[in-house]
Amino acid sequence: MKKYTLTKNTIIHCKTRKDWIKVCKKIEKDYPDVRWHDGEKPTEFENWSEDKKDSCIEIDDNQLSYNNKKWYQENQPEDPIITSQKFLGEPIEEEEFVDSEWLEEKQAINLLKSKGYKVIKEL
């Protein structure tokens, strides 16, 4: 598999425990200096069960952290959240290509615009 090019804050959404484990294995293989905050290797710690399908792993300056997807969307909106499939170099599932909440909000904005309403702030 091709090595993913890390950005300053790479945030990876892991919808399943299997994705979490595969992502951690790839991090450990491709980025041997990356560790959890307490020095553990990526595969020596697993916390998918806390946030389950909303779990994200962040790589920032060779340090791993985790939180739920909503936390990253609210607290680090400038940092893109990529799918585990993109990070792993696997085909992206169609349902993961677009965030459904964002799409619904964008569609609502477009509907209001088409009815002549002025939208002050777009997403």
PDB file of N, CA and C in Angstrom:
ATOM      1  N   MET A   1       0.831  -1.192   0.000  1.00  0.00           N
ATOM      2  CA  MET A   1       0.000   0.000   0.000  1.00  0.00           C
ATOM      3  C   MET A   1       0.873   1.253   0.000  1.00  0.00           C
ATOM      4  N   LYS A   2       0.399   2.273  -0.647  1.00  0.00           N
ATOM      5  CA  LYS A   2       1.098   3.543  -0.741  1.00  0.00           C
ATOM      6  C   LYS A   2       1.069   4.262   0.611  1.00  0.00           C
ATOM      7  N   LYS A   3       2.161   4.908   0.946  1.00  0.00           N
ATOM      8  CA  LYS A   3       2.256   5.660   2.198  1.00  0.00           C
ATOM      9  C   LYS A   3       1.486   6.966   2.052  1.00  0.00           C
ATOM     10  N   TYR A   4       0.590   7.247   2.999  1.00  0.00           N
ATOM     11  CA  TYR A   4      -0.205   8.474   2.984  1.00  0.00           C
ATOM     12  C   TYR A   4       0.688   9.638   3.417  1.00  0.00           C
ATOM     13  N   THR A   5       0.570  10.779   2.755  1.00  0.00           N
ATOM     14  CA  THR A   5       1.344  11.966   3.113  1.00  0.00           C
ATOM     15  C   THR A   5       0.631  12.697   4.252  1.00  0.00           C
ATOM     16  N   LEU A   6       1.283  12.738   5.405  1.00  0.00           N
ATOM     17  CA  LEU A   6       0.679  13.381   6.576  1.00  0.00           C
ATOM     18  C   LEU A   6       0.699  14.894   6.441  1.00  0.00           C
ATOM     19  N   THR A   7      -0.368  15.528   6.929  1.00  0.00           N
ATOM     20  CA  THR A   7      -0.408  16.988   7.057  1.00  0.00           C
ATOM     21  C   THR A   7      -0.106  17.301   8.522  1.00  0.00           C
ATOM     22  N   LYS A   8      -0.105  18.585   8.889  1.00  0.00           N
ATOM     23  CA  LYS A   8       0.205  18.930  10.282  1.00  0.00           C
ATOM     24  C   LYS A   8      -0.686  18.164  11.243  1.00  0.00           C
ATOM     25  N   ASN A   9      -1.968  18.211  11.055  1.00  0.00           N
ATOM     26  CA  ASN A   9      -2.916  17.452  11.876  1.00  0.00           C
ATOM     27  C   ASN A   9      -3.685  16.529  10.949  1.00  0.00           C
ATOM     28  N   THR A  10      -3.292  15.283  10.907  1.00  0.00           N
ATOM     29  CA  THR A  10      -4.009  14.307  10.107  1.00  0.00           C
ATOM     30  C   THR A  10      -5.025  13.623  11.017  1.00  0.00           C
ATOM     31  N   ILE A  11      -6.308  13.761  10.688  1.00  0.00           N
ATOM     32  CA  ILE A  11      -7.378  13.182  11.496  1.00  0.00           C
ATOM     33  C   ILE A  11      -8.053  12.100  10.648  1.00  0.00           C
ATOM     34  N   ILE A  12      -8.097  10.889  11.200  1.00  0.00           N
ATOM     35  CA  ILE A  12      -8.607   9.735  10.469  1.00  0.00           C
ATOM     36  C   ILE A  12      -9.849   9.198  11.165  1.00  0.00           C
ATOM     37  N   HIS A  13     -10.965   9.152  10.441  1.00  0.00           N
ATOM     38  CA  HIS A  13     -12.222   8.638  10.980  1.00  0.00           C
ATOM     39  C   HIS A  13     -12.240   7.123  10.829  1.00  0.00           C
ATOM     40  N   CYS A  14     -12.404   6.412  11.941  1.00  0.00           N
ATOM     41  CA  CYS A  14     -12.429   4.943  11.956  1.00  0.00           C
ATOM     42  C   CYS A  14     -13.825   4.478  12.362  1.00  0.00           C
ATOM     43  N   LYS A  15     -14.658   4.132  11.387  1.00  0.00           N
ATOM     44  CA  LYS A  15     -16.047   3.748  11.661  1.00  0.00           C
ATOM     45  C   LYS A  15     -16.181   2.395  12.350  1.00  0.00           C
ATOM     46  N   THR A  16     -15.191   1.538  12.187  1.00  0.00           N
ATOM     47  CA  THR A  16     -15.266   0.208  12.794  1.00  0.00           C
ATOM     48  C   THR A  16     -13.990  -0.083  13.587  1.00  0.00           C
ATOM     49  N   ARG A  17     -14.091  -1.055  14.495  1.00  0.00           N
ATOM     50  CA  ARG A  17     -12.903  -1.482  15.251  1.00  0.00           C
ATOM     51  C   ARG A  17     -11.854  -2.031  14.280  1.00  0.00           C
ATOM     52  N   LYS A  18     -12.307  -2.730  13.259  1.00  0.00           N
ATOM     53  CA  LYS A  18     -11.397  -3.271  12.252  1.00  0.00           C
ATOM     54  C   LYS A  18     -10.614  -2.140  11.573  1.00  0.00           C
ATOM     55  N   ASP A  19     -11.311  -1.044  11.235  1.00  0.00           N
ATOM     56  CA  ASP A  19     -10.633   0.117  10.630  1.00  0.00           C
ATOM     57  C   ASP A  19      -9.592   0.686  11.590  1.00  0.00           C
ATOM     58  N   TRP A  20      -9.958   0.823  12.880  1.00  0.00           N
ATOM     59  CA  TRP A  20      -9.037   1.371  13.898  1.00  0.00           C
ATOM     60  C   TRP A  20      -7.753   0.537  13.920  1.00  0.00           C
ATOM     61  N   ILE A  21      -7.916  -0.773  13.978  1.00  0.00           N
ATOM     62  CA  ILE A  21      -6.766  -1.670  14.072  1.00  0.00           C
ATOM     63  C   ILE A  21      -5.904  -1.579  12.808  1.00  0.00           C
ATOM     64  N   LYS A  22      -6.535  -1.564  11.633  1.00  0.00           N
ATOM     65  CA  LYS A  22      -5.788  -1.459  10.375  1.00  0.00           C
ATOM     66  C   LYS A  22      -5.042  -0.128  10.290  1.00  0.00           C
ATOM     67  N   VAL A  23      -5.679   0.964  10.717  1.00  0.00           N
ATOM     68  CA  VAL A  23      -5.037   2.284  10.700  1.00  0.00           C
ATOM     69  C   VAL A  23      -3.824   2.280  11.632  1.00  0.00           C
ATOM     70  N   CYS A  24      -3.989   1.739  12.836  1.00  0.00           N
ATOM     71  CA  CYS A  24      -2.874   1.708  13.793  1.00  0.00           C
ATOM     72  C   CYS A  24      -1.715   0.856  13.278  1.00  0.00           C
ATOM     73  N   LYS A  25      -2.024  -0.254  12.625  1.00  0.00           N
ATOM     74  CA  LYS A  25      -0.967  -1.092  12.046  1.00  0.00           C
ATOM     75  C   LYS A  25      -0.211  -0.345  10.957  1.00  0.00           C
ATOM     76  N   LYS A  26      -0.948   0.394  10.123  1.00  0.00           N
ATOM     77  CA  LYS A  26      -0.310   1.155   9.042  1.00  0.00           C
ATOM     78  C   LYS A  26       0.542   2.296   9.613  1.00  0.00           C
ATOM     79  N   ILE A  27       0.013   2.977  10.634  1.00  0.00           N
ATOM     80  CA  ILE A  27       0.798   4.050  11.257  1.00  0.00           C
ATOM     81  C   ILE A  27       2.104   3.489  11.803  1.00  0.00           C
ATOM     82  N   GLU A  28       2.003   2.372  12.514  1.00  0.00           N
ATOM     83  CA  GLU A  28       3.190   1.764  13.111  1.00  0.00           C
ATOM     84  C   GLU A  28       4.202   1.345  12.052  1.00  0.00           C
ATOM     85  N   LYS A  29       3.716   0.815  10.936  1.00  0.00           N
ATOM     86  CA  LYS A  29       4.604   0.364   9.862  1.00  0.00           C
ATOM     87  C   LYS A  29       5.221   1.539   9.101  1.00  0.00           C
ATOM     88  N   ASP A  30       4.392   2.506   8.703  1.00  0.00           N
ATOM     89  CA  ASP A  30       4.854   3.597   7.835  1.00  0.00           C
ATOM     90  C   ASP A  30       5.485   4.766   8.582  1.00  0.00           C
ATOM     91  N   TYR A  31       5.122   4.941   9.843  1.00  0.00           N
ATOM     92  CA  TYR A  31       5.603   6.090  10.635  1.00  0.00           C
ATOM     93  C   TYR A  31       6.106   5.570  11.984  1.00  0.00           C
ATOM     94  N   PRO A  32       7.262   4.904  12.009  1.00  0.00           N
ATOM     95  CA  PRO A  32       7.735   4.225  13.220  1.00  0.00           C
ATOM     96  C   PRO A  32       7.982   5.132  14.429  1.00  0.00           C
ATOM     97  N   ASP A  33       8.129   6.436  14.234  1.00  0.00           N
ATOM     98  CA  ASP A  33       8.362   7.345  15.356  1.00  0.00           C
ATOM     99  C   ASP A  33       7.076   7.820  16.032  1.00  0.00           C
ATOM    100  N   VAL A  34       5.929   7.549  15.426  1.00  0.00           N
ATOM    101  CA  VAL A  34       4.647   8.019  15.962  1.00  0.00           C
ATOM    102  C   VAL A  34       4.238   7.146  17.148  1.00  0.00           C
ATOM    103  N   ARG A  35       3.837   7.813  18.250  1.00  0.00           N
ATOM    104  CA  ARG A  35       3.443   7.123  19.483  1.00  0.00           C
ATOM    105  C   ARG A  35       2.235   7.810  20.107  1.00  0.00           C
ATOM    106  N   TRP A  36       1.528   7.066  20.960  1.00  0.00           N
ATOM    107  CA  TRP A  36       0.487   7.662  21.805  1.00  0.00           C
ATOM    108  C   TRP A  36       1.188   8.543  22.829  1.00  0.00           C
ATOM    109  N   HIS A  37       0.447   9.431  23.484  1.00  0.00           N
ATOM    110  CA  HIS A  37       1.043  10.422  24.395  1.00  0.00           C
ATOM    111  C   HIS A  37       1.875   9.795  25.511  1.00  0.00           C
ATOM    112  N   ASP A  38       1.585   8.556  25.886  1.00  0.00           N
ATOM    113  CA  ASP A  38       2.345   7.905  26.961  1.00  0.00           C
ATOM    114  C   ASP A  38       3.494   7.045  26.445  1.00  0.00           C
ATOM    115  N   GLY A  39       3.771   7.129  25.141  1.00  0.00           N
ATOM    116  CA  GLY A  39       4.902   6.418  24.567  1.00  0.00           C
ATOM    117  C   GLY A  39       4.576   5.068  23.964  1.00  0.00           C
ATOM    118  N   GLU A  40       3.329   4.619  24.051  1.00  0.00           N
ATOM    119  CA  GLU A  40       2.956   3.327  23.486  1.00  0.00           C
ATOM    120  C   GLU A  40       2.953   3.386  21.964  1.00  0.00           C
ATOM    121  N   LYS A  41       3.309   2.248  21.342  1.00  0.00           N
ATOM    122  CA  LYS A  41       3.211   2.132  19.897  1.00  0.00           C
ATOM    123  C   LYS A  41       1.729   2.175  19.517  1.00  0.00           C
ATOM    124  N   PRO A  42       1.423   2.549  18.265  1.00  0.00           N
ATOM    125  CA  PRO A  42       0.024   2.641  17.841  1.00  0.00           C
ATOM    126  C   PRO A  42      -0.809   1.390  18.111  1.00  0.00           C
ATOM    127  N   THR A  43      -0.225   0.204  17.923  1.00  0.00           N
ATOM    128  CA  THR A  43      -0.989  -1.034  18.095  1.00  0.00           C
ATOM    129  C   THR A  43      -1.075  -1.502  19.546  1.00  0.00           C
ATOM    130  N   GLU A  44      -0.414  -0.803  20.448  1.00  0.00           N
ATOM    131  CA  GLU A  44      -0.429  -1.205  21.864  1.00  0.00           C
ATOM    132  C   GLU A  44      -1.580  -0.566  22.641  1.00  0.00           C
ATOM    133  N   PHE A  45      -2.389   0.244  21.978  1.00  0.00           N
ATOM    134  CA  PHE A  45      -3.513   0.916  22.640  1.00  0.00           C
ATOM    135  C   PHE A  45      -4.688   0.918  21.679  1.00  0.00           C
ATOM    136  N   GLU A  46      -5.865   0.583  22.197  1.00  0.00           N
ATOM    137  CA  GLU A  46      -7.062   0.573  21.348  1.00  0.00           C
ATOM    138  C   GLU A  46      -8.229   1.127  22.151  1.00  0.00           C
ATOM    139  N   ASN A  47      -8.827   2.197  21.636  1.00  0.00           N
ATOM    140  CA  ASN A  47      -9.916   2.842  22.365  1.00  0.00           C
ATOM    141  C   ASN A  47     -11.132   3.078  21.475  1.00  0.00           C
ATOM    142  N   TRP A  48     -11.291   2.254  20.462  1.00  0.00           N
ATOM    143  CA  TRP A  48     -12.413   2.431  19.551  1.00  0.00           C
ATOM    144  C   TRP A  48     -13.747   2.343  20.282  1.00  0.00           C
ATOM    145  N   SER A  49     -13.841   1.508  21.293  1.00  0.00           N
ATOM    146  CA  SER A  49     -15.117   1.254  21.971  1.00  0.00           C
ATOM    147  C   SER A  49     -15.686   2.487  22.678  1.00  0.00           C
ATOM    148  N   GLU A  50     -14.873   3.507  22.934  1.00  0.00           N
ATOM    149  CA  GLU A  50     -15.383   4.704  23.608  1.00  0.00           C
ATOM    150  C   GLU A  50     -16.345   5.495  22.716  1.00  0.00           C
ATOM    151  N   ASP A  51     -15.974   5.735  21.480  1.00  0.00           N
ATOM    152  CA  ASP A  51     -16.813   6.526  20.574  1.00  0.00           C
ATOM    153  C   ASP A  51     -17.373   5.708  19.412  1.00  0.00           C
ATOM    154  N   LYS A  52     -16.968   4.467  19.316  1.00  0.00           N
ATOM    155  CA  LYS A  52     -17.427   3.526  18.297  1.00  0.00           C
ATOM    156  C   LYS A  52     -17.379   4.133  16.896  1.00  0.00           C
ATOM    157  N   LYS A  53     -18.505   4.169  16.167  1.00  0.00           N
ATOM    158  CA  LYS A  53     -18.489   4.581  14.758  1.00  0.00           C
ATOM    159  C   LYS A  53     -18.077   6.034  14.542  1.00  0.00           C
ATOM    160  N   ASP A  54     -17.979   6.820  15.623  1.00  0.00           N
ATOM    161  CA  ASP A  54     -17.555   8.216  15.518  1.00  0.00           C
ATOM    162  C   ASP A  54     -16.090   8.412  15.915  1.00  0.00           C
ATOM    163  N   SER A  55     -15.360   7.315  16.111  1.00  0.00           N
ATOM    164  CA  SER A  55     -13.965   7.382  16.571  1.00  0.00           C
ATOM    165  C   SER A  55     -13.034   7.969  15.518  1.00  0.00           C
ATOM    166  N   CYS A  56     -12.128   8.823  15.982  1.00  0.00           N
ATOM    167  CA  CYS A  56     -11.097   9.396  15.114  1.00  0.00           C
ATOM    168  C   CYS A  56      -9.743   9.285  15.802  1.00  0.00           C
ATOM    169  N   ILE A  57      -8.723   9.095  14.996  1.00  0.00           N
ATOM    170  CA  ILE A  57      -7.341   9.114  15.462  1.00  0.00           C
ATOM    171  C   ILE A  57      -6.672  10.311  14.815  1.00  0.00           C
ATOM    172  N   GLU A  58      -5.945  11.086  15.614  1.00  0.00           N
ATOM    173  CA  GLU A  58      -5.225  12.248  15.091  1.00  0.00           C
ATOM    174  C   GLU A  58      -3.726  12.004  15.199  1.00  0.00           C
ATOM    175  N   ILE A  59      -3.015  12.324  14.127  1.00  0.00           N
ATOM    176  CA  ILE A  59      -1.551  12.284  14.132  1.00  0.00           C
ATOM    177  C   ILE A  59      -1.079  13.728  14.048  1.00  0.00           C
ATOM    178  N   ASP A  60      -0.343  14.162  15.058  1.00  0.00           N
ATOM    179  CA  ASP A  60       0.162  15.538  15.094  1.00  0.00           C
ATOM    180  C   ASP A  60       1.568  15.518  15.678  1.00  0.00           C
ATOM    181  N   ASP A  61       2.543  15.885  14.875  1.00  0.00           N
ATOM    182  CA  ASP A  61       3.938  15.915  15.323  1.00  0.00           C
ATOM    183  C   ASP A  61       4.361  14.619  16.002  1.00  0.00           C
ATOM    184  N   ASN A  62       4.164  13.505  15.327  1.00  0.00           N
ATOM    185  CA  ASN A  62       4.561  12.174  15.807  1.00  0.00           C
ATOM    186  C   ASN A  62       3.854  11.742  17.088  1.00  0.00           C
ATOM    187  N   GLN A  63       2.745  12.378  17.405  1.00  0.00           N
ATOM    188  CA  GLN A  63       1.968  11.972  18.573  1.00  0.00           C
ATOM    189  C   GLN A  63       0.538  11.654  18.170  1.00  0.00           C
ATOM    190  N   LEU A  64       0.020  10.559  18.709  1.00  0.00           N
ATOM    191  CA  LEU A  64      -1.354  10.152  18.444  1.00  0.00           C
ATOM    192  C   LEU A  64      -2.276  10.605  19.566  1.00  0.00           C
ATOM    193  N   SER A  65      -3.471  10.983  19.180  1.00  0.00           N
ATOM    194  CA  SER A  65      -4.532  11.246  20.147  1.00  0.00           C
ATOM    195  C   SER A  65      -5.830  10.773  19.502  1.00  0.00           C
ATOM    196  N   TYR A  66      -6.882  10.724  20.277  1.00  0.00           N
ATOM    197  CA  TYR A  66      -8.164  10.269  19.746  1.00  0.00           C
ATOM    198  C   TYR A  66      -9.288  11.093  20.352  1.00  0.00           C
ATOM    199  N   ASN A  67     -10.373  11.155  19.644  1.00  0.00           N
ATOM    200  CA  ASN A  67     -11.593  11.799  20.122  1.00  0.00           C
ATOM    201  C   ASN A  67     -12.693  11.406  19.157  1.00  0.00           C
ATOM    202  N   ASN A  68     -13.898  11.925  19.402  1.00  0.00           N
ATOM    203  CA  ASN A  68     -14.986  11.603  18.473  1.00  0.00           C
ATOM    204  C   ASN A  68     -15.014  12.624  17.342  1.00  0.00           C
ATOM    205  N   LYS A  69     -15.633  12.239  16.247  1.00  0.00           N
ATOM    206  CA  LYS A  69     -15.664  13.052  15.031  1.00  0.00           C
ATOM    207  C   LYS A  69     -16.262  14.436  15.287  1.00  0.00           C
ATOM    208  N   LYS A  70     -17.337  14.490  16.063  1.00  0.00           N
ATOM    209  CA  LYS A  70     -17.988  15.778  16.341  1.00  0.00           C
ATOM    210  C   LYS A  70     -17.040  16.733  17.068  1.00  0.00           C
ATOM    211  N   TRP A  71     -16.251  16.207  18.000  1.00  0.00           N
ATOM    212  CA  TRP A  71     -15.305  17.052  18.736  1.00  0.00           C
ATOM    213  C   TRP A  71     -14.335  17.713  17.760  1.00  0.00           C
ATOM    214  N   TYR A  72     -13.795  16.930  16.834  1.00  0.00           N
ATOM    215  CA  TYR A  72     -12.857  17.499  15.853  1.00  0.00           C
ATOM    216  C   TYR A  72     -13.554  18.510  14.945  1.00  0.00           C
ATOM    217  N   GLN A  73     -14.796  18.229  14.540  1.00  0.00           N
ATOM    218  CA  GLN A  73     -15.536  19.164  13.687  1.00  0.00           C
ATOM    219  C   GLN A  73     -15.770  20.492  14.399  1.00  0.00           C
ATOM    220  N   GLU A  74     -16.023  20.439  15.703  1.00  0.00           N
ATOM    221  CA  GLU A  74     -16.300  21.661  16.456  1.00  0.00           C
ATOM    222  C   GLU A  74     -15.047  22.383  16.916  1.00  0.00           C
ATOM    223  N   ASN A  75     -13.988  21.670  17.274  1.00  0.00           N
ATOM    224  CA  ASN A  75     -12.804  22.267  17.872  1.00  0.00           C
ATOM    225  C   ASN A  75     -11.632  22.464  16.924  1.00  0.00           C
ATOM    226  N   GLN A  76     -11.618  21.730  15.824  1.00  0.00           N
ATOM    227  CA  GLN A  76     -10.559  21.875  14.824  1.00  0.00           C
ATOM    228  C   GLN A  76     -11.171  21.881  13.433  1.00  0.00           C
ATOM    229  N   PRO A  77     -12.114  22.788  13.174  1.00  0.00           N
ATOM    230  CA  PRO A  77     -12.826  22.773  11.892  1.00  0.00           C
ATOM    231  C   PRO A  77     -11.919  23.014  10.684  1.00  0.00           C
ATOM    232  N   GLU A  78     -10.760  23.595  10.899  1.00  0.00           N
ATOM    233  CA  GLU A  78      -9.845  23.855   9.788  1.00  0.00           C
ATOM    234  C   GLU A  78      -9.085  22.601   9.354  1.00  0.00           C
ATOM    235  N   ASP A  79      -9.116  21.565  10.179  1.00  0.00           N
ATOM    236  CA  ASP A  79      -8.403  20.326   9.867  1.00  0.00           C
ATOM    237  C   ASP A  79      -9.357  19.315   9.237  1.00  0.00           C
ATOM    238  N   PRO A  80      -9.077  18.881   8.016  1.00  0.00           N
ATOM    239  CA  PRO A  80      -9.976  17.913   7.374  1.00  0.00           C
ATOM    240  C   PRO A  80      -9.928  16.559   8.079  1.00  0.00           C
ATOM    241  N   ILE A  81     -11.061  15.886   8.078  1.00  0.00           N
ATOM    242  CA  ILE A  81     -11.163  14.530   8.611  1.00  0.00           C
ATOM    243  C   ILE A  81     -11.251  13.606   7.410  1.00  0.00           C
ATOM    244  N   ILE A  82     -10.288  12.698   7.312  1.00  0.00           N
ATOM    245  CA  ILE A  82     -10.286  11.769   6.187  1.00  0.00           C
ATOM    246  C   ILE A  82     -10.841  10.420   6.637  1.00  0.00           C
ATOM    247  N   THR A  83     -11.302   9.642   5.689  1.00  0.00           N
ATOM    248  CA  THR A  83     -11.797   8.308   6.007  1.00  0.00           C
ATOM    249  C   THR A  83     -10.611   7.367   6.212  1.00  0.00           C
ATOM    250  N   SER A  84     -10.854   6.309   6.944  1.00  0.00           N
ATOM    251  CA  SER A  84      -9.807   5.296   7.113  1.00  0.00           C
ATOM    252  C   SER A  84      -9.438   4.707   5.754  1.00  0.00           C
ATOM    253  N   GLN A  85     -10.426   4.580   4.857  1.00  0.00           N
ATOM    254  CA  GLN A  85     -10.154   4.034   3.532  1.00  0.00           C
ATOM    255  C   GLN A  85      -9.155   4.909   2.762  1.00  0.00           C
ATOM    256  N   LYS A  86      -9.328   6.215   2.865  1.00  0.00           N
ATOM    257  CA  LYS A  86      -8.388   7.110   2.176  1.00  0.00           C
ATOM    258  C   LYS A  86      -6.984   6.959   2.761  1.00  0.00           C
ATOM    259  N   PHE A  87      -6.884   6.935   4.075  1.00  0.00           N
ATOM    260  CA  PHE A  87      -5.589   6.787   4.731  1.00  0.00           C
ATOM    261  C   PHE A  87      -4.929   5.463   4.360  1.00  0.00           C
ATOM    262  N   LEU A  88      -5.726   4.409   4.292  1.00  0.00           N
ATOM    263  CA  LEU A  88      -5.210   3.076   4.003  1.00  0.00           C
ATOM    264  C   LEU A  88      -4.993   2.832   2.513  1.00  0.00           C
ATOM    265  N   GLY A  89      -5.489   3.749   1.674  1.00  0.00           N
ATOM    266  CA  GLY A  89      -5.359   3.582   0.230  1.00  0.00           C
ATOM    267  C   GLY A  89      -6.349   2.589  -0.339  1.00  0.00           C
ATOM    268  N   GLU A  90      -7.472   2.407   0.347  1.00  0.00           N
ATOM    269  CA  GLU A  90      -8.521   1.489  -0.106  1.00  0.00           C
ATOM    270  C   GLU A  90      -9.592   2.269  -0.860  1.00  0.00           C
ATOM    271  N   PRO A  91     -10.406   1.589  -1.662  1.00  0.00           N
ATOM    272  CA  PRO A  91     -11.511   2.283  -2.344  1.00  0.00           C
ATOM    273  C   PRO A  91     -12.452   2.906  -1.317  1.00  0.00           C
ATOM    274  N   ILE A  92     -12.907   4.121  -1.602  1.00  0.00           N
ATOM    275  CA  ILE A  92     -13.807   4.824  -0.687  1.00  0.00           C
ATOM    276  C   ILE A  92     -15.233   4.381  -0.960  1.00  0.00           C
ATOM    277  N   GLU A  93     -15.920   3.982   0.114  1.00  0.00           N
ATOM    278  CA  GLU A  93     -17.314   3.595  -0.020  1.00  0.00           C
ATOM    279  C   GLU A  93     -18.135   4.827  -0.343  1.00  0.00           C
ATOM    280  N   GLU A  94     -19.095   4.679  -1.243  1.00  0.00           N
ATOM    281  CA  GLU A  94     -19.887   5.814  -1.708  1.00  0.00           C
ATOM    282  C   GLU A  94     -20.535   6.569  -0.557  1.00  0.00           C
ATOM    283  N   GLU A  95     -21.062   5.859   0.447  1.00  0.00           N
ATOM    284  CA  GLU A  95     -21.759   6.523   1.550  1.00  0.00           C
ATOM    285  C   GLU A  95     -20.826   7.391   2.381  1.00  0.00           C
ATOM    286  N   GLU A  96     -19.515   7.107   2.338  1.00  0.00           N
ATOM    287  CA  GLU A  96     -18.567   7.880   3.121  1.00  0.00           C
ATOM    288  C   GLU A  96     -18.023   9.075   2.349  1.00  0.00           C
ATOM    289  N   PHE A  97     -18.333   9.155   1.075  1.00  0.00           N
ATOM    290  CA  PHE A  97     -17.762  10.208   0.252  1.00  0.00           C
ATOM    291  C   PHE A  97     -18.247  11.594   0.673  1.00  0.00           C
ATOM    292  N   VAL A  98     -19.510  11.690   1.121  1.00  0.00           N
ATOM    293  CA  VAL A  98     -20.079  12.968   1.544  1.00  0.00           C
ATOM    294  C   VAL A  98     -20.644  12.815   2.945  1.00  0.00           C
ATOM    295  N   ASP A  99     -20.347  13.758   3.812  1.00  0.00           N
ATOM    296  CA  ASP A  99     -20.913  13.771   5.157  1.00  0.00           C
ATOM    297  C   ASP A  99     -22.397  14.103   5.030  1.00  0.00           C
ATOM    298  N   SER A 100     -23.263  13.194   5.435  1.00  0.00           N
ATOM    299  CA  SER A 100     -24.698  13.352   5.210  1.00  0.00           C
ATOM    300  C   SER A 100     -25.288  14.568   5.919  1.00  0.00           C
ATOM    301  N   GLU A 101     -24.812  14.898   7.136  1.00  0.00           N
ATOM    302  CA  GLU A 101     -25.331  16.084   7.830  1.00  0.00           C
ATOM    303  C   GLU A 101     -24.993  17.345   7.048  1.00  0.00           C
ATOM    304  N   TRP A 102     -23.740  17.425   6.582  1.00  0.00           N
ATOM    305  CA  TRP A 102     -23.328  18.594   5.807  1.00  0.00           C
ATOM    306  C   TRP A 102     -24.166  18.689   4.540  1.00  0.00           C
ATOM    307  N   LEU A 103     -24.378  17.561   3.872  1.00  0.00           N
ATOM    308  CA  LEU A 103     -25.141  17.553   2.631  1.00  0.00           C
ATOM    309  C   LEU A 103     -26.568  18.030   2.864  1.00  0.00           C
ATOM    310  N   GLU A 104     -27.213  17.580   3.935  1.00  0.00           N
ATOM    311  CA  GLU A 104     -28.578  18.002   4.234  1.00  0.00           C
ATOM    312  C   GLU A 104     -28.637  19.510   4.482  1.00  0.00           C
ATOM    313  N   GLU A 105     -27.665  20.035   5.228  1.00  0.00           N
ATOM    314  CA  GLU A 105     -27.633  21.478   5.500  1.00  0.00           C
ATOM    315  C   GLU A 105     -27.401  22.260   4.207  1.00  0.00           C
ATOM    316  N   LYS A 106     -26.492  21.798   3.373  1.00  0.00           N
ATOM    317  CA  LYS A 106     -26.195  22.467   2.112  1.00  0.00           C
ATOM    318  C   LYS A 106     -27.421  22.441   1.193  1.00  0.00           C
ATOM    319  N   GLN A 107     -28.132  21.299   1.163  1.00  0.00           N
ATOM    320  CA  GLN A 107     -29.337  21.207   0.351  1.00  0.00           C
ATOM    321  C   GLN A 107     -30.414  22.165   0.862  1.00  0.00           C
ATOM    322  N   ALA A 108     -30.523  22.301   2.183  1.00  0.00           N
ATOM    323  CA  ALA A 108     -31.500  23.225   2.767  1.00  0.00           C
ATOM    324  C   ALA A 108     -31.166  24.673   2.388  1.00  0.00           C
ATOM    325  N   ILE A 109     -29.882  25.009   2.426  1.00  0.00           N
ATOM    326  CA  ILE A 109     -29.455  26.358   2.042  1.00  0.00           C
ATOM    327  C   ILE A 109     -29.781  26.613   0.574  1.00  0.00           C
ATOM    328  N   ASN A 110     -29.484  25.652  -0.282  1.00  0.00           N
ATOM    329  CA  ASN A 110     -29.771  25.812  -1.714  1.00  0.00           C
ATOM    330  C   ASN A 110     -31.268  25.958  -1.970  1.00  0.00           C
ATOM    331  N   LEU A 111     -32.088  25.219  -1.230  1.00  0.00           N
ATOM    332  CA  LEU A 111     -33.536  25.328  -1.367  1.00  0.00           C
ATOM    333  C   LEU A 111     -34.006  26.731  -0.986  1.00  0.00           C
ATOM    334  N   LEU A 112     -33.497  27.251   0.143  1.00  0.00           N
ATOM    335  CA  LEU A 112     -33.872  28.608   0.563  1.00  0.00           C
ATOM    336  C   LEU A 112     -33.453  29.638  -0.482  1.00  0.00           C
ATOM    337  N   LYS A 113     -32.255  29.497  -1.024  1.00  0.00           N
ATOM    338  CA  LYS A 113     -31.781  30.422  -2.053  1.00  0.00           C
ATOM    339  C   LYS A 113     -32.678  30.380  -3.288  1.00  0.00           C
ATOM    340  N   SER A 114     -33.087  29.163  -3.664  1.00  0.00           N
ATOM    341  CA  SER A 114     -33.931  29.031  -4.848  1.00  0.00           C
ATOM    342  C   SER A 114     -35.306  29.664  -4.645  1.00  0.00           C
ATOM    343  N   LYS A 115     -35.727  29.826  -3.396  1.00  0.00           N
ATOM    344  CA  LYS A 115     -37.026  30.443  -3.071  1.00  0.00           C
ATOM    345  C   LYS A 115     -36.892  31.955  -2.888  1.00  0.00           C
ATOM    346  N   GLY A 116     -35.661  32.481  -3.088  1.00  0.00           N
ATOM    347  CA  GLY A 116     -35.459  33.918  -3.014  1.00  0.00           C
ATOM    348  C   GLY A 116     -34.961  34.428  -1.671  1.00  0.00           C
ATOM    349  N   TYR A 117     -34.721  33.553  -0.717  1.00  0.00           N
ATOM    350  CA  TYR A 117     -34.198  33.978   0.582  1.00  0.00           C
ATOM    351  C   TYR A 117     -32.722  34.309   0.455  1.00  0.00           C
ATOM    352  N   LYS A 118     -32.299  35.285   1.252  1.00  0.00           N
ATOM    353  CA  LYS A 118     -30.892  35.664   1.270  1.00  0.00           C
ATOM    354  C   LYS A 118     -30.220  34.862   2.387  1.00  0.00           C
ATOM    355  N   VAL A 119     -29.105  34.208   2.056  1.00  0.00           N
ATOM    356  CA  VAL A 119     -28.365  33.435   3.029  1.00  0.00           C
ATOM    357  C   VAL A 119     -27.183  34.276   3.481  1.00  0.00           C
ATOM    358  N   ILE A 120     -27.134  34.572   4.777  1.00  0.00           N
ATOM    359  CA  ILE A 120     -26.085  35.445   5.308  1.00  0.00           C
ATOM    360  C   ILE A 120     -24.771  34.711   5.451  1.00  0.00           C
ATOM    361  N   LYS A 121     -24.802  33.477   5.991  1.00  0.00           N
ATOM    362  CA  LYS A 121     -23.557  32.716   6.194  1.00  0.00           C
ATOM    363  C   LYS A 121     -23.768  31.310   5.678  1.00  0.00           C
ATOM    364  N   GLU A 122     -22.938  30.933   4.699  1.00  0.00           N
ATOM    365  CA  GLU A 122     -23.002  29.574   4.184  1.00  0.00           C
ATOM    366  C   GLU A 122     -22.042  28.707   4.932  1.00  0.00           C
ATOM    367  N   LEU A 123     -22.236  27.394   4.824  1.00  0.00           N
ATOM    368  CA  LEU A 123     -21.368  26.426   5.468  1.00  0.00           C
ATOM    369  C   LEU A 123     -20.027  26.379   4.793  1.00  0.00           C
TER     370      LEU A 123
END
